[in-house]
């Protein structure tokens, strides 16, 4: 019964790791390209690294949104009665 939730958690965790590593790689590559003055590096990172990172971020966001929903818990079988004095 928890299989869909576990699957979504796995997708969330994997895409979160992928987007964090890809984001660091993208920013470091862009910074290196700027410092070195290499326009080809900037184009490479913008063309080949950014799209997968953006896709991973989108999937991670959707999975995180789905994980925010929780099933309603069953109420206790016994109703608590108010105490009066």
Protein backbone atom coordinates (compact mmCIF):
# COMPACT_ATOMS: atom_id res chain seq x y z
CA UNK A 1 0.00 0.00 0.00
CA UNK A 2 2.94 2.36 0.60
CA UNK A 3 4.55 1.38 -2.70
CA UNK A 4 3.49 4.52 -4.63
CA UNK A 5 4.70 6.78 -1.82
CA UNK A 6 8.00 4.93 -1.60
CA UNK A 7 8.42 5.20 -5.37
CA UNK A 8 7.76 8.95 -5.26
CA UNK A 9 10.26 9.31 -2.39
CA UNK A 10 12.87 7.44 -4.43
CA UNK A 11 12.23 9.63 -7.48
CA UNK A 12 12.43 12.73 -5.30
CA UNK A 13 15.72 11.66 -3.71
CA UNK A 14 17.36 10.68 -6.99
CA UNK A 15 16.32 13.80 -8.86
CA UNK A 16 17.28 16.02 -5.93
CA UNK A 17 20.80 14.56 -5.94
CA UNK A 18 20.99 14.84 -9.72
CA UNK A 19 19.92 18.46 -9.79
CA UNK A 20 22.26 19.43 -6.96
CA UNK A 21 25.28 17.81 -8.61
CA UNK A 22 24.26 19.12 -12.03
CA UNK A 23 23.69 22.60 -10.65
CA UNK A 24 27.12 22.71 -9.07
CA UNK A 25 28.66 21.42 -12.31
CA UNK A 26 26.72 24.00 -14.34
CA UNK A 27 27.67 26.95 -12.15
CA UNK A 28 31.31 25.87 -11.86
CA UNK A 29 31.53 25.34 -15.62
CA UNK A 30 29.97 28.70 -16.37
CA UNK A 31 32.29 30.42 -13.91
CA UNK A 32 35.33 28.68 -15.40
CA UNK A 33 34.22 29.66 -18.88
CA UNK A 34 33.82 33.29 -17.84
CA UNK A 35 37.20 33.40 -16.09
CA UNK A 36 38.95 31.70 -19.02
CA UNK A 37 37.08 33.81 -21.55
CA UNK A 38 35.96 30.72 -23.45
CA UNK A 39 32.62 31.30 -25.15
CA UNK A 40 32.55 27.68 -26.32
CA UNK A 41 32.52 26.47 -22.68
CA UNK A 42 29.57 28.73 -21.90
CA UNK A 43 27.67 27.43 -24.92
CA UNK A 44 28.49 23.81 -24.04
CA UNK A 45 27.20 24.08 -20.48
CA UNK A 46 24.16 26.03 -21.59
CA UNK A 47 23.34 23.52 -24.35
CA UNK A 48 24.17 20.16 -22.77
CA UNK A 49 24.16 20.55 -18.99
CA UNK A 50 21.32 22.98 -18.31
CA UNK A 51 18.40 21.05 -19.92
CA UNK A 52 18.86 17.82 -17.90
CA UNK A 53 19.30 19.84 -14.71
CA UNK A 54 16.08 21.76 -15.41
CA UNK A 55 14.20 18.53 -16.15
CA UNK A 56 15.51 16.95 -12.93
CA UNK A 57 14.46 20.07 -11.00
CA UNK A 58 10.96 19.90 -12.47
CA UNK A 59 10.53 16.21 -11.70
CA UNK A 60 11.89 16.79 -8.19
CA UNK A 61 9.44 19.64 -7.64
CA UNK A 62 6.46 17.55 -8.75
CA UNK A 63 7.56 14.62 -6.58
CA UNK A 64 8.03 16.94 -3.60
CA UNK A 65 4.57 18.39 -4.20
CA UNK A 66 3.05 14.91 -4.27
CA UNK A 67 4.88 13.96 -1.09
CA UNK A 68 3.30 16.90 0.69
CA UNK A 69 -0.05 15.11 0.58
CA UNK A 70 -0.76 12.66 3.36
CA UNK A 71 -3.57 10.20 3.64
CA UNK A 72 -6.17 11.11 6.25
CA UNK A 73 -5.59 9.12 9.40
CA UNK A 74 -8.40 7.13 10.90
CA UNK A 75 -9.86 8.72 13.97
CA UNK A 76 -9.54 6.88 17.19
CA UNK A 77 -12.33 4.40 17.71
CA UNK A 78 -13.19 5.87 21.09
CA UNK A 79 -14.45 9.38 21.22
CA UNK A 80 -12.97 11.45 23.99
CA UNK A 81 -15.51 12.87 26.33
CA UNK A 82 -15.15 16.28 27.84
CA UNK A 83 -14.71 16.25 31.58
CA UNK A 84 -16.91 18.58 33.58
CA UNK A 85 -16.75 19.61 37.20
